[in-house]
Amino acid sequence: MKSLFNERNTLLLLLLVAIAFPLVIQNNYYIQVMILVFIWSIAVYGLNTITGFIGQLSLAHAGFFAIGAYSLGLLTVKGNMYFWVAFVFAIILAAAIGLLVGLVALRTKSHFFAIYTMSVGFLIYLIIYKAEFTGGVRGLIGIPNPPDLGPITFNSMQSQYYLVLFFLVLTIIFMRRMVRSLIGRTFVAIRNSDELAQTLGISVMKNKLIAFVISAAFAGMAGALYASYIRFIGPQVSDVHVAFEILLYLLVGGIGTLTGPILGTFIVVVLTQMLQFLEEFRMLIFGPIVVLLILFYPRGIVGGYLMWKFKRKQKQAKVNGTASKQQKSA
């Protein structure tokens, strides 16, 4: 029975549920909500790379998200570039800017790193807000949907749903393989102790930079998907409150876990949509719920579950050990 509910089978079951969702639920509103959940989940997985596995709190994530969104929008709307070429270029550009920012930002530590990245995010927001080529406060409209790929079209809501789901699945596969690889273990070693990792011969700066670039690339991918789905973007996508929202999704789901990003994003986005009828008063209900969750589950829902599971195993092992000693003494 335990082997039936292992991680692989659970992920396959969730994938089957996600595939069947738009076929069973014939409601465009619910499909739209799930598309947004998938897009933001990709961005949260990116943040989890640098914050969850390296232990560096980055607040520039909204900026990289906006770079991906605006790169796709500008290249397709003003540059008349083929959509998929522009999509790849948007991810590369976000990663390249992440590399440049990381070379400076990762020389700082702790709250200094968070302050620096927040300043970078605010600088990106100012550039988008003030620059003429970005459309300024008016934003950018008319961003095209993804073009057809042979017989596959992306004109319907369901087709866009499956497109975003495809990129989310790729993201999860990449993250799962990365975490289980040597580089993933290296990230965790750096998170636990910079000094100890360095004494073991690990290049701390190099690995932190790799994690930061991966983080920026996933944020850029999420931004490009968001721009192609919404078809209109404004400076607000790079606002610092977006960075805190992405961080909130990660904290609720479980920082440093594989399933936490998508679970936290789903819970917060769906709960926010459910409380929309309260308008500005919804935070009076939503806020305390999140605060209580973070107080009692500081590692998030998934992190709390894993901790409970670990303690249960320890307790069971202790009970089994005591029982075996009693049998030997008897």
Protein backbone atom coordinates (compact mmCIF):
# COMPACT_ATOMS: atom_id res chain seq x y z
CA MET A 1 0.00 0.00 0.00
CA LYS A 2 2.85 2.38 0.83
CA SER A 3 4.45 1.75 -2.57
CA LEU A 4 1.12 2.59 -4.18
CA PHE A 5 1.21 6.12 -2.78
CA ASN A 6 4.86 6.92 -3.44
CA GLU A 7 5.96 10.26 -4.89
CA ARG A 8 6.00 9.09 -8.50
CA ASN A 9 2.49 7.61 -8.41
CA THR A 10 1.14 10.67 -6.61
CA LEU A 11 2.59 13.00 -9.26
CA LEU A 12 1.16 10.82 -12.04
CA LEU A 13 -2.26 10.90 -10.38
CA LEU A 14 -2.13 14.71 -10.08
CA LEU A 15 -1.12 14.94 -13.74
CA LEU A 16 -4.08 12.79 -14.80
CA VAL A 17 -6.42 14.99 -12.72
CA ALA A 18 -4.95 18.12 -14.33
CA ILE A 19 -5.38 16.66 -17.83
CA ALA A 20 -8.98 15.66 -17.14
CA PHE A 21 -9.93 18.93 -15.41
CA PRO A 22 -11.01 21.02 -18.46
CA LEU A 23 -12.77 18.00 -19.95
CA VAL A 24 -14.88 17.51 -16.82
CA ILE A 25 -15.29 21.14 -15.72
CA GLN A 26 -16.89 22.96 -18.65
CA ASN A 27 -16.52 26.37 -17.05
CA ASN A 28 -14.14 28.89 -18.59
CA TYR A 29 -13.79 30.85 -15.34
CA TYR A 30 -12.40 27.84 -13.45
CA ILE A 31 -10.12 27.01 -16.37
CA GLN A 32 -8.83 30.61 -16.35
CA VAL A 33 -8.08 30.39 -12.62
CA MET A 34 -6.15 27.15 -13.15
CA ILE A 35 -4.15 28.69 -16.00
CA LEU A 36 -3.09 31.50 -13.66
CA VAL A 37 -2.24 28.94 -10.96
CA PHE A 38 0.02 27.09 -13.41
CA ILE A 39 1.74 30.27 -14.63
CA TRP A 40 2.43 31.58 -11.13
CA SER A 41 3.55 28.11 -10.03
CA ILE A 42 6.34 28.21 -12.63
CA ALA A 43 7.50 31.56 -11.21
CA VAL A 44 7.34 30.17 -7.65
CA TYR A 45 9.43 27.16 -8.64
CA GLY A 46 12.02 29.63 -9.89
CA LEU A 47 12.01 31.52 -6.58
CA ASN A 48 12.24 28.21 -4.72
CA THR A 49 15.54 27.49 -6.49
CA ILE A 50 17.36 30.48 -5.00
CA THR A 51 15.37 30.97 -1.79
CA GLY A 52 14.35 27.41 -0.89
CA PHE A 53 17.43 25.43 -1.94
CA ILE A 54 20.18 28.07 -1.60
CA GLY A 55 18.68 30.07 1.26
CA GLN A 56 18.99 33.53 -0.31
CA LEU A 57 15.82 35.66 -0.19
CA SER A 58 15.42 37.29 -3.60
CA LEU A 59 12.89 40.10 -4.03
CA ALA A 60 13.74 40.80 -7.68
CA HIS A 61 11.58 37.97 -8.95
CA ALA A 62 8.77 40.24 -10.14
CA GLY A 63 11.34 42.17 -12.16
CA PHE A 64 12.51 39.03 -13.99
CA PHE A 65 8.88 38.03 -14.50
CA ALA A 66 8.27 41.43 -16.12
CA ILE A 67 11.40 41.12 -18.28
CA GLY A 68 10.06 37.87 -19.72
CA ALA A 69 6.62 39.36 -20.29
CA TYR A 70 7.82 42.61 -21.87
CA SER A 71 10.51 40.89 -23.96
CA LEU A 72 7.90 38.65 -25.56
CA GLY A 73 5.47 41.56 -26.00
CA LEU A 74 7.98 43.98 -27.53
CA LEU A 75 9.57 41.40 -29.83
CA THR A 76 6.22 40.19 -31.20
CA VAL A 77 4.25 43.47 -31.25
CA LYS A 78 6.96 45.96 -32.25
CA GLY A 79 9.63 43.65 -33.63
CA ASN A 80 7.25 41.35 -35.57
CA MET A 81 9.35 38.39 -34.46
CA TYR A 82 8.00 34.85 -34.71
CA PHE A 83 6.31 34.00 -31.41
CA TRP A 84 8.32 30.91 -30.43
CA VAL A 85 11.64 32.59 -31.25
CA ALA A 86 10.60 35.56 -29.14
CA PHE A 87 9.51 33.19 -26.36
CA VAL A 88 12.93 31.52 -26.20
CA PHE A 89 14.68 34.88 -26.42
CA ALA A 90 12.58 36.22 -23.51
CA ILE A 91 13.76 33.36 -21.29
CA ILE A 92 17.39 33.84 -22.38
CA LEU A 93 17.21 37.59 -21.75
CA ALA A 94 15.75 37.10 -18.26
CA ALA A 95 18.51 34.58 -17.49
CA ALA A 96 21.22 36.91 -18.88
CA ILE A 97 20.04 39.86 -16.78
CA GLY A 98 19.80 37.48 -13.82
CA LEU A 99 23.46 36.59 -14.43
CA LEU A 100 24.51 40.26 -14.41
CA VAL A 101 22.46 41.04 -11.29
CA GLY A 102 23.66 37.91 -9.53
CA LEU A 103 27.34 38.72 -10.10
CA VAL A 104 26.90 41.75 -7.84
CA ALA A 105 24.00 40.73 -5.59
CA LEU A 106 25.52 37.40 -4.49
CA ARG A 107 28.52 39.20 -3.02
CA THR A 108 26.14 40.29 -0.27
CA LYS A 109 24.47 38.07 2.32
CA SER A 110 21.36 37.78 4.44
CA HIS A 111 19.13 40.88 4.57
CA PHE A 112 21.62 42.88 2.47
CA PHE A 113 20.96 40.49 -0.43
CA ALA A 114 17.20 40.88 0.02
CA ILE A 115 17.47 44.69 0.09
CA TYR A 116 19.71 44.74 -2.98
CA THR A 117 17.43 42.48 -5.03
CA MET A 118 14.39 44.50 -3.96
CA SER A 119 16.18 47.63 -5.21
CA VAL A 120 16.91 45.89 -8.53
CA GLY A 121 13.25 44.92 -8.82
CA PHE A 122 12.18 48.51 -8.14
CA LEU A 123 14.68 49.78 -10.73
CA ILE A 124 13.19 47.44 -13.35
CA TYR A 125 9.74 48.75 -12.42
CA LEU A 126 10.88 52.38 -12.88
CA ILE A 127 12.43 51.61 -16.28
CA ILE A 128 9.23 49.93 -17.49
CA TYR A 129 7.06 52.72 -16.04
CA LYS A 130 9.10 55.62 -17.47
CA ALA A 131 10.49 54.30 -20.76
CA GLU A 132 8.69 55.14 -23.99
CA PHE A 133 9.53 51.89 -25.79
CA THR A 134 7.68 49.86 -23.12
CA GLY A 135 4.54 51.96 -23.49
CA GLY A 136 5.05 53.51 -20.06
CA VAL A 137 2.02 53.67 -17.84
CA ARG A 138 -0.23 52.72 -20.78
CA GLY A 139 1.38 49.32 -21.03
CA LEU A 140 1.57 47.06 -24.03
CA ILE A 141 -1.49 45.68 -25.83
CA GLY A 142 -2.10 43.31 -28.72
CA ILE A 143 0.35 40.60 -27.65
CA PRO A 144 -0.43 37.59 -29.88
CA ASN A 145 -1.50 34.16 -28.76
CA PRO A 146 0.92 31.31 -29.54
CA PRO A 147 0.73 30.41 -33.26
CA ASP A 148 -0.32 26.99 -34.50
CA LEU A 149 2.16 24.13 -34.34
CA GLY A 150 1.06 21.96 -37.24
CA PRO A 151 -2.40 20.60 -36.42
CA ILE A 152 -2.22 21.95 -32.84
CA THR A 153 -3.95 25.32 -32.38
CA PHE A 154 -4.02 27.59 -29.34
CA ASN A 155 -7.14 29.63 -30.00
CA SER A 156 -9.38 28.05 -27.37
CA MET A 157 -9.22 28.28 -23.59
CA GLN A 158 -8.63 24.55 -23.29
CA SER A 159 -5.67 24.58 -25.68
CA GLN A 160 -4.02 27.42 -23.73
CA TYR A 161 -4.65 25.47 -20.53
CA TYR A 162 -2.80 22.43 -21.88
CA LEU A 163 0.01 24.59 -23.24
CA VAL A 164 0.68 26.15 -19.83
CA LEU A 165 0.28 22.73 -18.16
CA PHE A 166 2.93 21.36 -20.54
CA PHE A 167 5.46 23.99 -19.44
CA LEU A 168 4.57 23.44 -15.77
CA VAL A 169 5.19 19.69 -16.15
CA LEU A 170 8.56 20.43 -17.80
CA THR A 171 9.39 22.74 -14.89
CA ILE A 172 8.51 20.10 -12.28
CA ILE A 173 10.51 17.41 -14.13
CA PHE A 174 13.51 19.73 -14.32
CA MET A 175 13.26 20.66 -10.63
CA ARG A 176 12.83 17.02 -9.55
CA ARG A 177 15.90 15.93 -11.50
CA MET A 178 17.92 18.91 -10.31
CA VAL A 179 17.09 18.35 -6.62
CA ARG A 180 18.05 14.67 -6.85
CA SER A 181 21.28 15.39 -8.72
CA LEU A 182 24.69 16.38 -7.37
CA ILE A 183 24.03 20.07 -8.03
CA GLY A 184 20.81 19.90 -6.01
CA ARG A 185 22.64 18.36 -3.05
CA THR A 186 25.29 21.05 -3.47
CA PHE A 187 22.61 23.75 -3.23
CA VAL A 188 21.29 22.23 0.01
CA ALA A 189 24.82 22.01 1.43
CA ILE A 190 25.31 25.73 0.73
CA ARG A 191 21.95 26.52 2.32
CA ASN A 192 22.92 24.64 5.47
CA SER A 193 26.33 26.30 5.80
CA ASP A 194 28.36 28.41 3.39
CA GLU A 195 31.54 27.91 5.38
CA LEU A 196 31.19 24.12 5.64
CA ALA A 197 30.41 23.84 1.91
CA GLN A 198 33.51 25.88 1.11
CA THR A 199 35.72 23.67 3.27
CA LEU A 200 34.42 20.66 1.30
CA GLY A 201 35.73 22.26 -1.90
CA ILE A 202 32.39 23.56 -3.19
CA SER A 203 32.51 26.79 -5.21
CA VAL A 204 29.84 28.68 -3.27
CA MET A 205 29.70 31.74 -5.54
CA LYS A 206 29.52 29.67 -8.72
CA ASN A 207 26.66 27.48 -7.46
CA LYS A 208 24.74 30.43 -6.06
CA LEU A 209 25.05 32.15 -9.43
CA ILE A 210 23.77 29.04 -11.24
CA ALA A 211 20.76 28.91 -8.91
CA PHE A 212 20.07 32.63 -9.40
CA VAL A 213 20.21 32.32 -13.21
CA ILE A 214 17.86 29.29 -13.14
CA SER A 215 15.53 31.27 -10.89
CA ALA A 216 15.49 34.23 -13.28
CA ALA A 217 14.96 31.96 -16.32
CA PHE A 218 11.86 30.34 -14.81
CA ALA A 219 10.50 33.76 -13.84
CA GLY A 220 11.05 34.94 -17.43
CA MET A 221 9.27 31.86 -18.78
CA ALA A 222 6.30 32.48 -16.48
CA GLY A 223 6.21 36.14 -17.56
CA ALA A 224 6.23 35.23 -21.25
CA LEU A 225 3.39 32.74 -20.74
CA TYR A 226 1.45 35.34 -18.76
CA ALA A 227 1.86 37.97 -21.50
CA SER A 228 0.71 35.59 -24.25
CA TYR A 229 -2.31 34.54 -22.19
CA ILE A 230 -3.47 37.97 -20.93
CA ARG A 231 -2.38 39.76 -24.16
CA PHE A 232 -1.95 42.99 -22.23
CA ILE A 233 0.74 43.91 -19.71
CA GLY A 234 1.41 47.03 -17.68
CA PRO A 235 4.09 48.20 -15.24
CA GLN A 236 2.17 46.64 -12.33
CA VAL A 237 3.51 43.17 -13.25
CA SER A 238 6.94 44.31 -12.05
CA ASP A 239 5.72 45.97 -8.86
CA VAL A 240 7.35 44.86 -5.61
CA HIS A 241 4.01 43.63 -4.25
CA VAL A 242 4.05 40.96 -6.99
CA ALA A 243 7.40 39.74 -5.64
CA PHE A 244 5.86 39.47 -2.15
CA GLU A 245 2.85 37.60 -3.57
CA ILE A 246 5.16 35.04 -5.22
CA LEU A 247 7.02 34.72 -1.92
CA LEU A 248 3.70 34.23 -0.12
CA TYR A 249 2.77 31.35 -2.45
CA LEU A 250 6.10 29.69 -1.62
CA LEU A 251 5.83 30.21 2.14
CA VAL A 252 2.30 28.82 2.31
CA GLY A 253 3.06 25.75 0.19
CA GLY A 254 6.44 24.87 1.62
CA ILE A 255 9.82 26.47 1.04
CA GLY A 256 12.52 24.11 -0.16
CA THR A 257 10.05 21.40 -1.21
CA LEU A 258 9.05 20.01 -4.61
CA THR A 259 5.26 20.08 -4.26
CA GLY A 260 5.04 23.19 -2.06
CA PRO A 261 5.16 25.80 -4.87
CA ILE A 262 2.17 24.44 -6.79
CA LEU A 263 0.16 23.63 -3.64
CA GLY A 264 0.74 27.07 -2.10
CA THR A 265 -0.06 28.85 -5.36
CA PHE A 266 -3.26 26.86 -5.79
CA ILE A 267 -4.47 27.53 -2.23
CA VAL A 268 -3.73 31.26 -2.21
CA VAL A 269 -4.99 32.00 -5.75
CA VAL A 270 -8.21 29.99 -5.29
CA LEU A 271 -8.83 31.48 -1.84
CA THR A 272 -8.26 34.98 -3.23
CA GLN A 273 -10.75 34.34 -6.03
CA MET A 274 -13.31 32.99 -3.54
CA LEU A 275 -13.03 36.14 -1.43
CA GLN A 276 -13.34 38.56 -4.36
CA PHE A 277 -16.93 39.40 -3.42
CA LEU A 278 -15.57 41.10 -0.29
CA GLU A 279 -13.49 43.44 -2.49
CA GLU A 280 -11.06 45.44 -0.31
CA PHE A 281 -12.26 43.73 2.88
CA ARG A 282 -11.11 40.27 1.76
CA MET A 283 -7.68 40.80 3.32
CA LEU A 284 -9.36 41.06 6.74
CA ILE A 285 -10.17 37.37 6.38
CA PHE A 286 -7.37 36.19 4.12
CA GLY A 287 -4.58 37.98 6.06
CA PRO A 288 -5.13 36.33 9.48
CA ILE A 289 -5.51 32.90 7.85
CA VAL A 290 -2.10 33.26 6.19
CA VAL A 291 -0.51 34.63 9.39
CA LEU A 292 -1.82 31.69 11.44
CA LEU A 293 -0.65 29.24 8.80
CA ILE A 294 2.87 30.68 8.79
CA LEU A 295 2.96 30.80 12.62
CA PHE A 296 1.96 27.17 13.10
CA TYR A 297 3.58 25.83 9.92
CA PRO A 298 6.73 27.97 9.38
CA ARG A 299 7.96 25.53 6.73
CA GLY A 300 4.64 25.66 4.90
CA ILE A 301 2.01 22.97 4.50
CA VAL A 302 4.25 20.47 2.71
CA GLY A 303 7.18 21.21 5.01
CA GLY A 304 4.95 20.71 8.06
CA TYR A 305 3.70 17.40 6.69
CA LEU A 306 7.24 16.18 6.00
CA MET A 307 8.31 17.17 9.52
CA TRP A 308 5.32 15.32 11.01
CA LYS A 309 6.15 12.26 8.90
CA PHE A 310 9.81 12.37 10.02
CA LYS A 311 8.87 12.63 13.71
CA ARG A 312 6.39 9.79 13.32
CA LYS A 313 9.11 7.57 11.84
CA GLN A 314 11.46 8.48 14.69
CA LYS A 315 8.77 7.68 17.25
CA GLN A 316 7.98 4.38 15.56
CA ALA A 317 11.67 3.46 15.43
CA LYS A 318 11.99 4.29 19.13
CA VAL A 319 8.98 2.12 19.98
CA ASN A 320 10.34 -0.76 17.89
CA GLY A 321 13.74 -0.40 19.54
CA THR A 322 12.22 -0.50 23.03
CA ALA A 323 10.13 -3.54 22.13
CA SER A 324 13.17 -5.43 20.77
CA LYS A 325 15.14 -4.66 23.95
CA GLN A 326 12.31 -5.97 26.10
CA GLN A 327 12.15 -9.17 24.06
CA LYS A 328 15.90 -9.71 24.43
CA SER A 329 15.77 -9.10 28.20
CA ALA A 330 12.87 -11.54 28.50
